[in-house]
Amino acid sequence: MAKKSTTPASDRQAKIQAAQKSQGSGANRIVVATVVVVVAIIAVVGGVVWSQNQKEAATGTSTAVPAGASMGQGYPAFASVTAAAGAPTVDLYEDFQCPICAQFEAALGSTMQGLAQDGKLKLNYHVLNFLDDKTGAKNSTPAANGAFCAAADGKFQEFHNAVFASQVAEGKDVTDADLGAWAATAGITGDALTTWQKCVADETYTKYVTSVNEAAFKIPSFQGTPTVMINGKVVELNTISSPELLTQAIQNATQ
């Protein structure tokens, strides 16, 4: 059988059709590639939003800070006391879950607080919560919230001391009963107790505590808790390991 002959016109038509198919396939590939890129961007943005939401869920959204403090900065204890001229500033870094901090408080807490009450030093507490992440326990943060919620009733120091006097073991969760017992020891009662309970339930100061924690670990010489700084310099704990040595160190730093 003879082959069907082709004409120049039919050749041109075939080439046009082939080119159109090729262009259409290219256009489709471009559209598909564009869709893939858009989907990838949406996924990344969605991941960022999810991550931020997770972070906010962990730290809360309240930007409240205790009186006299600011984000990332320590809480000034005994703020109503007028310090003597030249009195040094002491920054004390603690975590309510830290067992060595409890030992420090048992040995030197009353001396430190007494010197502050006498105006012989200006005391700032930097309450951290890194041990919650390290141990997986809900301990440091709820205790810190309890302390700063107590500060609104002028009971920070009493609550702080109660926590360390009957500290919940490292790695164990702090319960509502624990928090309530510390509040009772601190003398929070009546309407003030109701306000304190809501403050704690709302995790009012979690963001503040986290900001203080983050600021602490940006200090080049900071290694953990407890840490004591006198006039901005880290002090070796063995040089202030007794009430007498601590008192002498404060006297030596007085200008």
C-alpha atoms as a PDB file:
ATOM      1  CA  MET A   1       0.000   0.000   0.000  1.00  0.00           C
ATOM      2  CA  ALA A   2       1.293   3.393  -0.917  1.00  0.00           C
ATOM      3  CA  LYS A   3       2.208   5.793   1.877  1.00  0.00           C
ATOM      4  CA  LYS A   4       0.038   8.871   2.343  1.00  0.00           C
ATOM      5  CA  SER A   5       1.831  11.882   1.060  1.00  0.00           C
ATOM      6  CA  THR A   6       2.209  15.047   3.156  1.00  0.00           C
ATOM      7  CA  THR A   7       2.100  18.634   2.052  1.00  0.00           C
ATOM      8  CA  PRO A   8       4.059  21.627   3.388  1.00  0.00           C
ATOM      9  CA  ALA A   9       0.809  22.983   4.864  1.00  0.00           C
ATOM     10  CA  SER A  10       0.135  19.803   6.796  1.00  0.00           C
ATOM     11  CA  ASP A  11       3.741  19.779   8.057  1.00  0.00           C
ATOM     12  CA  ARG A  12       3.377  23.308   9.370  1.00  0.00           C
ATOM     13  CA  GLN A  13       0.112  22.432  11.118  1.00  0.00           C
ATOM     14  CA  ALA A  14       1.683  19.417  12.777  1.00  0.00           C
ATOM     15  CA  LYS A  15       4.570  21.519  14.054  1.00  0.00           C
ATOM     16  CA  ILE A  16       2.170  24.172  15.408  1.00  0.00           C
ATOM     17  CA  GLN A  17       0.158  21.529  17.266  1.00  0.00           C
ATOM     18  CA  ALA A  18       3.322  19.995  18.695  1.00  0.00           C
ATOM     19  CA  ALA A  19       4.537  23.420  19.837  1.00  0.00           C
ATOM     20  CA  GLN A  20       1.191  24.155  21.486  1.00  0.00           C
ATOM     21  CA  LYS A  21       1.323  20.846  23.358  1.00  0.00           C
ATOM     22  CA  SER A  22       4.875  21.576  24.446  1.00  0.00           C
ATOM     23  CA  GLN A  23       3.973  25.077  25.637  1.00  0.00           C
ATOM     24  CA  GLY A  24       0.947  23.788  27.461  1.00  0.00           C
ATOM     25  CA  SER A  25       3.047  21.184  29.275  1.00  0.00           C
ATOM     26  CA  GLY A  26       5.577  23.876  30.272  1.00  0.00           C
ATOM     27  CA  ALA A  27       2.832  26.157  31.533  1.00  0.00           C
ATOM     28  CA  ASN A  28       1.418  23.312  33.573  1.00  0.00           C
ATOM     29  CA  ARG A  29       4.831  22.632  35.098  1.00  0.00           C
ATOM     30  CA  ILE A  30       5.176  26.306  36.024  1.00  0.00           C
ATOM     31  CA  VAL A  31       1.749  26.333  37.667  1.00  0.00           C
ATOM     32  CA  VAL A  32       2.502  23.164  39.611  1.00  0.00           C
ATOM     33  CA  ALA A  33       5.875  24.520  40.740  1.00  0.00           C
ATOM     34  CA  THR A  34       4.255  27.771  41.858  1.00  0.00           C
ATOM     35  CA  VAL A  35       1.630  25.899  43.853  1.00  0.00           C
ATOM     36  CA  VAL A  36       4.341  23.798  45.533  1.00  0.00           C
ATOM     37  CA  VAL A  37       6.261  26.928  46.543  1.00  0.00           C
ATOM     38  CA  VAL A  38       3.135  28.613  47.930  1.00  0.00           C
ATOM     39  CA  VAL A  39       2.218  25.493  49.904  1.00  0.00           C
ATOM     40  CA  ALA A  40       5.768  25.322  51.290  1.00  0.00           C
ATOM     41  CA  ILE A  41       5.596  28.975  52.370  1.00  0.00           C
ATOM     42  CA  ILE A  42       2.244  28.401  54.056  1.00  0.00           C
ATOM     43  CA  ALA A  43       3.672  25.366  55.853  1.00  0.00           C
ATOM     44  CA  VAL A  44       6.658  27.357  57.132  1.00  0.00           C
ATOM     45  CA  VAL A  45       4.490  30.271  58.274  1.00  0.00           C
ATOM     46  CA  GLY A  46       2.070  27.849  59.871  1.00  0.00           C
ATOM     47  CA  GLY A  47       4.958  26.186  61.688  1.00  0.00           C
ATOM     48  CA  VAL A  48       6.212  29.521  62.996  1.00  0.00           C
ATOM     49  CA  VAL A  49       2.731  30.481  64.213  1.00  0.00           C
ATOM     50  CA  TRP A  50       2.302  27.077  65.859  1.00  0.00           C
ATOM     51  CA  SER A  51       5.701  27.387  67.539  1.00  0.00           C
ATOM     52  CA  GLN A  52       4.865  30.869  68.825  1.00  0.00           C
ATOM     53  CA  ASN A  53       1.500  29.651  70.118  1.00  0.00           C
ATOM     54  CA  GLN A  54       3.215  26.772  71.881  1.00  0.00           C
ATOM     55  CA  LYS A  55       5.712  29.185  73.454  1.00  0.00           C
ATOM     56  CA  GLU A  56       2.936  31.505  74.629  1.00  0.00           C
ATOM     57  CA  ALA A  57       1.038  28.545  76.047  1.00  0.00           C
ATOM     58  CA  ALA A  58       4.127  27.643  78.061  1.00  0.00           C
ATOM     59  CA  THR A  59       4.937  31.156  79.269  1.00  0.00           C
ATOM     60  CA  GLY A  60       1.500  32.756  79.341  1.00  0.00           C
ATOM     61  CA  THR A  61       0.588  36.072  77.780  1.00  0.00           C
ATOM     62  CA  SER A  62       0.565  38.283  80.867  1.00  0.00           C
ATOM     63  CA  THR A  63       3.247  40.957  80.854  1.00  0.00           C
ATOM     64  CA  ALA A  64       2.755  41.787  84.525  1.00  0.00           C
ATOM     65  CA  VAL A  65       5.841  42.444  86.620  1.00  0.00           C
ATOM     66  CA  PRO A  66       6.071  42.712  90.409  1.00  0.00           C
ATOM     67  CA  ALA A  67       6.286  46.207  91.870  1.00  0.00           C
ATOM     68  CA  GLY A  68       9.700  47.783  91.407  1.00  0.00           C
ATOM     69  CA  ALA A  69      10.848  45.253  88.810  1.00  0.00           C
ATOM     70  CA  SER A  70      10.886  45.103  85.020  1.00  0.00           C
ATOM     71  CA  MET A  71      11.184  42.339  82.445  1.00  0.00           C
ATOM     72  CA  GLY A  72      14.513  40.537  82.790  1.00  0.00           C
ATOM     73  CA  GLN A  73      15.409  42.386  85.991  1.00  0.00           C
ATOM     74  CA  GLY A  74      15.498  41.241  89.609  1.00  0.00           C
ATOM     75  CA  TYR A  75      12.870  41.943  92.239  1.00  0.00           C
ATOM     76  CA  PRO A  76      13.951  44.519  94.855  1.00  0.00           C
ATOM     77  CA  ALA A  77      13.353  43.123  98.340  1.00  0.00           C
ATOM     78  CA  PHE A  78      12.674  45.418 101.305  1.00  0.00           C
ATOM     79  CA  ALA A  79      12.069  48.288  98.897  1.00  0.00           C
ATOM     80  CA  SER A  80      10.612  50.419 101.680  1.00  0.00           C
ATOM     81  CA  VAL A  81      13.976  50.416 103.497  1.00  0.00           C
ATOM     82  CA  THR A  82      16.312  53.326 102.786  1.00  0.00           C
ATOM     83  CA  ALA A  83      19.771  51.867 102.292  1.00  0.00           C
ATOM     84  CA  ALA A  84      22.736  53.528 103.984  1.00  0.00           C
ATOM     85  CA  ALA A  85      25.072  55.638 101.898  1.00  0.00           C
ATOM     86  CA  GLY A  86      27.492  53.426  99.993  1.00  0.00           C
ATOM     87  CA  ALA A  87      25.567  50.224 100.752  1.00  0.00           C
ATOM     88  CA  PRO A  88      26.417  47.580  98.145  1.00  0.00           C
ATOM     89  CA  THR A  89      23.879  45.996  95.831  1.00  0.00           C
ATOM     90  CA  VAL A  90      23.502  42.242  96.172  1.00  0.00           C
ATOM     91  CA  ASP A  91      21.889  40.233  93.380  1.00  0.00           C
ATOM     92  CA  LEU A  92      20.826  36.771  94.470  1.00  0.00           C
ATOM     93  CA  TYR A  93      19.960  34.223  91.771  1.00  0.00           C
ATOM     94  CA  GLU A  94      17.810  31.318  92.956  1.00  0.00           C
ATOM     95  CA  ASP A  95      15.465  28.645  91.647  1.00  0.00           C
ATOM     96  CA  PHE A  96      12.784  27.451  94.072  1.00  0.00           C
ATOM     97  CA  GLN A  97      13.460  23.876  92.940  1.00  0.00           C
ATOM     98  CA  CYS A  98      17.207  24.124  93.582  1.00  0.00           C
ATOM     99  CA  PRO A  99      18.261  22.040  96.635  1.00  0.00           C
ATOM    100  CA  ILE A 100      21.555  23.935  97.058  1.00  0.00           C
ATOM    101  CA  CYS A 101      19.549  27.175  97.106  1.00  0.00           C
ATOM    102  CA  ALA A 102      17.576  25.772 100.028  1.00  0.00           C
ATOM    103  CA  GLN A 103      20.859  24.979 101.798  1.00  0.00           C
ATOM    104  CA  PHE A 104      22.106  28.489 101.070  1.00  0.00           C
ATOM    105  CA  GLU A 105      18.923  29.996 102.503  1.00  0.00           C
ATOM    106  CA  ALA A 106      19.128  27.826 105.616  1.00  0.00           C
ATOM    107  CA  ALA A 107      22.716  28.920 106.238  1.00  0.00           C
ATOM    108  CA  LEU A 108      22.694  32.548 105.120  1.00  0.00           C
ATOM    109  CA  GLY A 109      19.163  33.633 104.306  1.00  0.00           C
ATOM    110  CA  SER A 110      18.370  35.246 107.635  1.00  0.00           C
ATOM    111  CA  THR A 111      21.712  37.080 107.667  1.00  0.00           C
ATOM    112  CA  MET A 112      21.221  38.381 104.127  1.00  0.00           C
ATOM    113  CA  GLN A 113      17.697  39.522 104.902  1.00  0.00           C
ATOM    114  CA  GLY A 114      18.730  41.075 108.205  1.00  0.00           C
ATOM    115  CA  LEU A 115      21.439  43.151 106.526  1.00  0.00           C
ATOM    116  CA  ALA A 116      18.914  44.291 103.922  1.00  0.00           C
ATOM    117  CA  GLN A 117      16.370  45.237 106.579  1.00  0.00           C
ATOM    118  CA  ASP A 118      19.056  47.249 108.363  1.00  0.00           C
ATOM    119  CA  GLY A 119      19.855  49.121 105.166  1.00  0.00           C
ATOM    120  CA  LYS A 120      23.363  47.689 104.944  1.00  0.00           C
ATOM    121  CA  LEU A 121      22.744  46.284 101.471  1.00  0.00           C
ATOM    122  CA  LYS A 122      20.251  46.533  98.636  1.00  0.00           C
ATOM    123  CA  LEU A 123      18.936  43.061  97.861  1.00  0.00           C
ATOM    124  CA  ASN A 124      17.542  41.981  94.474  1.00  0.00           C
ATOM    125  CA  TYR A 125      16.091  38.495  93.989  1.00  0.00           C
ATOM    126  CA  HIS A 126      16.403  36.939  90.542  1.00  0.00           C
ATOM    127  CA  VAL A 127      13.985  34.019  90.668  1.00  0.00           C
ATOM    128  CA  LEU A 128      14.670  31.524  87.864  1.00  0.00           C
ATOM    129  CA  ASN A 129      12.778  28.531  86.476  1.00  0.00           C
ATOM    130  CA  PHE A 130      15.325  26.641  84.338  1.00  0.00           C
ATOM    131  CA  LEU A 131      15.025  23.526  86.482  1.00  0.00           C
ATOM    132  CA  ASP A 132      11.473  22.982  85.250  1.00  0.00           C
ATOM    133  CA  ASP A 133      12.880  22.364  81.766  1.00  0.00           C
ATOM    134  CA  LYS A 134      15.784  20.340  83.112  1.00  0.00           C
ATOM    135  CA  THR A 135      13.702  18.026  85.310  1.00  0.00           C
ATOM    136  CA  GLY A 136      10.348  18.120  83.515  1.00  0.00           C
ATOM    137  CA  ALA A 137       8.609  19.045  86.766  1.00  0.00           C
ATOM    138  CA  LYS A 138       6.090  21.835  87.310  1.00  0.00           C
ATOM    139  CA  ASN A 139       7.863  23.164  90.351  1.00  0.00           C
ATOM    140  CA  SER A 140       9.989  26.279  89.915  1.00  0.00           C
ATOM    141  CA  THR A 141       7.434  28.256  87.906  1.00  0.00           C
ATOM    142  CA  PRO A 142       4.331  27.741  90.072  1.00  0.00           C
ATOM    143  CA  ALA A 143       6.373  28.462  93.204  1.00  0.00           C
ATOM    144  CA  ALA A 144       7.725  31.642  91.598  1.00  0.00           C
ATOM    145  CA  ASN A 145       4.219  32.699  90.625  1.00  0.00           C
ATOM    146  CA  GLY A 146       3.126  32.087  94.198  1.00  0.00           C
ATOM    147  CA  ALA A 147       5.912  34.288  95.524  1.00  0.00           C
ATOM    148  CA  PHE A 148       5.264  37.209  93.199  1.00  0.00           C
ATOM    149  CA  CYS A 149       1.511  36.962  93.639  1.00  0.00           C
ATOM    150  CA  ALA A 150       2.222  37.151  97.378  1.00  0.00           C
ATOM    151  CA  ALA A 151       4.320  40.265  96.764  1.00  0.00           C
ATOM    152  CA  ALA A 152       1.144  42.117  95.791  1.00  0.00           C
ATOM    153  CA  ASP A 153       0.039  41.649  99.425  1.00  0.00           C
ATOM    154  CA  GLY A 154       3.478  42.561 100.756  1.00  0.00           C
ATOM    155  CA  LYS A 155       4.230  38.925 101.538  1.00  0.00           C
ATOM    156  CA  PHE A 156       6.983  38.048  99.073  1.00  0.00           C
ATOM    157  CA  GLN A 157       9.656  37.462 101.684  1.00  0.00           C
ATOM    158  CA  GLU A 158       7.400  35.353 103.880  1.00  0.00           C
ATOM    159  CA  PHE A 159       6.336  33.196 100.929  1.00  0.00           C
ATOM    160  CA  HIS A 160       9.904  32.941  99.630  1.00  0.00           C
ATOM    161  CA  ASN A 161      11.117  31.741 103.026  1.00  0.00           C
ATOM    162  CA  ALA A 162       8.233  29.285 103.377  1.00  0.00           C
ATOM    163  CA  VAL A 163       9.042  27.666 100.020  1.00  0.00           C
ATOM    164  CA  PHE A 164      12.672  27.021 100.925  1.00  0.00           C
ATOM    165  CA  ALA A 165      11.826  25.932 104.480  1.00  0.00           C
ATOM    166  CA  SER A 166       9.605  23.128 103.139  1.00  0.00           C
ATOM    167  CA  GLN A 167      10.928  22.790  99.612  1.00  0.00           C
ATOM    168  CA  VAL A 168       9.318  20.274  97.271  1.00  0.00           C
ATOM    169  CA  ALA A 169      12.027  17.870  96.112  1.00  0.00           C
ATOM    170  CA  GLU A 170      13.783  18.517  92.822  1.00  0.00           C
ATOM    171  CA  GLY A 171      11.944  16.789  89.979  1.00  0.00           C
ATOM    172  CA  LYS A 172       8.615  16.676  91.841  1.00  0.00           C
ATOM    173  CA  ASP A 173       5.567  18.732  90.884  1.00  0.00           C
ATOM    174  CA  VAL A 174       4.345  21.465  93.210  1.00  0.00           C
ATOM    175  CA  THR A 175       0.681  20.877  94.048  1.00  0.00           C
ATOM    176  CA  ASP A 176      -2.097  23.321  94.860  1.00  0.00           C
ATOM    177  CA  ALA A 177      -1.889  22.016  98.421  1.00  0.00           C
ATOM    178  CA  ASP A 178       1.813  22.925  98.572  1.00  0.00           C
ATOM    179  CA  LEU A 179       1.128  26.414  97.277  1.00  0.00           C
ATOM    180  CA  GLY A 180      -1.760  26.854  99.698  1.00  0.00           C
ATOM    181  CA  ALA A 181       0.382  25.751 102.635  1.00  0.00           C
ATOM    182  CA  TRP A 182       3.073  28.291 101.745  1.00  0.00           C
ATOM    183  CA  ALA A 183       0.456  31.018 101.410  1.00  0.00           C
ATOM    184  CA  ALA A 184      -0.891  30.136 104.853  1.00  0.00           C
ATOM    185  CA  THR A 185       2.606  30.236 106.348  1.00  0.00           C
ATOM    186  CA  ALA A 186       3.122  33.620 104.694  1.00  0.00           C
ATOM    187  CA  GLY A 187      -0.037  34.912 106.369  1.00  0.00           C
ATOM    188  CA  ILE A 188      -2.163  35.460 103.260  1.00  0.00           C
ATOM    189  CA  THR A 189      -5.810  35.277 104.297  1.00  0.00           C
ATOM    190  CA  GLY A 190      -9.308  36.533 103.487  1.00  0.00           C
ATOM    191  CA  ASP A 191      -9.835  38.590 100.340  1.00  0.00           C
ATOM    192  CA  ALA A 192      -6.078  38.742  99.796  1.00  0.00           C
ATOM    193  CA  LEU A 193      -6.011  34.941  99.614  1.00  0.00           C
ATOM    194  CA  THR A 194      -8.776  34.915  96.993  1.00  0.00           C
ATOM    195  CA  THR A 195      -6.843  37.451  94.926  1.00  0.00           C
ATOM    196  CA  TRP A 196      -3.643  35.456  95.370  1.00  0.00           C
ATOM    197  CA  GLN A 197      -5.327  32.221  94.258  1.00  0.00           C
ATOM    198  CA  LYS A 198      -6.586  33.810  91.035  1.00  0.00           C
ATOM    199  CA  CYS A 199      -3.175  35.368  90.396  1.00  0.00           C
ATOM    200  CA  VAL A 200      -1.490  31.967  90.726  1.00  0.00           C
ATOM    201  CA  ALA A 201      -4.126  30.180  88.627  1.00  0.00           C
ATOM    202  CA  ASP A 202      -3.636  32.745  85.857  1.00  0.00           C
ATOM    203  CA  GLU A 203       0.154  32.207  85.927  1.00  0.00           C
ATOM    204  CA  THR A 204       0.415  35.982  86.040  1.00  0.00           C
ATOM    205  CA  TYR A 205       4.180  36.226  86.407  1.00  0.00           C
ATOM    206  CA  THR A 206       5.358  33.301  84.270  1.00  0.00           C
ATOM    207  CA  LYS A 207       6.517  35.533  81.413  1.00  0.00           C
ATOM    208  CA  TYR A 208       8.359  37.772  83.869  1.00  0.00           C
ATOM    209  CA  VAL A 209      10.109  34.826  85.559  1.00  0.00           C
ATOM    210  CA  THR A 210      11.084  33.382  82.176  1.00  0.00           C
ATOM    211  CA  SER A 211      12.532  36.747  81.119  1.00  0.00           C
ATOM    212  CA  VAL A 212      14.631  36.877  84.307  1.00  0.00           C
ATOM    213  CA  ASN A 213      15.799  33.318  83.664  1.00  0.00           C
ATOM    214  CA  GLU A 214      16.823  34.135  80.088  1.00  0.00           C
ATOM    215  CA  ALA A 215      18.657  37.295  81.190  1.00  0.00           C
ATOM    216  CA  ALA A 216      20.622  35.377  83.828  1.00  0.00           C
ATOM    217  CA  PHE A 217      22.022  32.866  81.366  1.00  0.00           C
ATOM    218  CA  LYS A 218      23.252  35.687  79.131  1.00  0.00           C
ATOM    219  CA  ILE A 219      25.659  36.802  81.877  1.00  0.00           C
ATOM    220  CA  PRO A 220      29.121  35.495  80.845  1.00  0.00           C
ATOM    221  CA  SER A 221      30.119  34.457  84.366  1.00  0.00           C
ATOM    222  CA  PHE A 222      26.764  32.927  85.308  1.00  0.00           C
ATOM    223  CA  GLN A 223      26.780  29.166  85.840  1.00  0.00           C
ATOM    224  CA  GLY A 224      23.652  28.315  87.805  1.00  0.00           C
ATOM    225  CA  THR A 225      21.971  28.698  91.162  1.00  0.00           C
ATOM    226  CA  PRO A 226      22.608  29.883  93.728  1.00  0.00           C
ATOM    227  CA  THR A 227      24.703  32.752  92.444  1.00  0.00           C
ATOM    228  CA  VAL A 228      25.547  35.848  94.474  1.00  0.00           C
ATOM    229  CA  MET A 229      26.759  39.060  92.892  1.00  0.00           C
ATOM    230  CA  ILE A 230      27.976  42.020  94.942  1.00  0.00           C
ATOM    231  CA  ASN A 231      28.090  45.285  93.038  1.00  0.00           C
ATOM    232  CA  GLY A 232      27.839  43.382  89.769  1.00  0.00           C
ATOM    233  CA  LYS A 233      30.625  40.884  90.428  1.00  0.00           C
ATOM    234  CA  VAL A 234      30.092  37.166  91.035  1.00  0.00           C
ATOM    235  CA  VAL A 235      31.239  36.110  94.496  1.00  0.00           C
ATOM    236  CA  GLU A 236      32.638  32.669  95.186  1.00  0.00           C
ATOM    237  CA  LEU A 237      30.237  31.025  97.634  1.00  0.00           C
ATOM    238  CA  ASN A 238      33.044  29.618  99.763  1.00  0.00           C
ATOM    239  CA  THR A 239      34.118  33.191 100.572  1.00  0.00           C
ATOM    240  CA  ILE A 240      30.703  33.969 102.126  1.00  0.00           C
ATOM    241  CA  SER A 241      29.893  30.525 103.494  1.00  0.00           C
ATOM    242  CA  SER A 242      29.086  31.684 107.050  1.00  0.00           C
ATOM    243  CA  PRO A 243      27.121  34.620 108.469  1.00  0.00           C
ATOM    244  CA  GLU A 244      30.403  36.149 109.643  1.00  0.00           C
ATOM    245  CA  LEU A 245      32.058  35.867 106.230  1.00  0.00           C
ATOM    246  CA  LEU A 246      28.964  37.230 104.471  1.00  0.00           C
ATOM    247  CA  THR A 247      28.774  40.183 106.840  1.00  0.00           C
ATOM    248  CA  GLN A 248      32.470  40.900 106.345  1.00  0.00           C
ATOM    249  CA  ALA A 249      32.083  40.742 102.551  1.00  0.00           C
ATOM    250  CA  ILE A 250      29.258  43.294 102.726  1.00  0.00           C
ATOM    251  CA  GLN A 251      31.345  45.575 104.933  1.00  0.00           C
ATOM    252  CA  ASN A 252      34.280  45.317 102.539  1.00  0.00           C
ATOM    253  CA  ALA A 253      32.005  46.236  99.605  1.00  0.00           C
ATOM    254  CA  THR A 254      30.507  49.249 101.362  1.00  0.00           C
ATOM    255  CA  GLN A 255      31.811  52.413  99.744  1.00  0.00           C
END
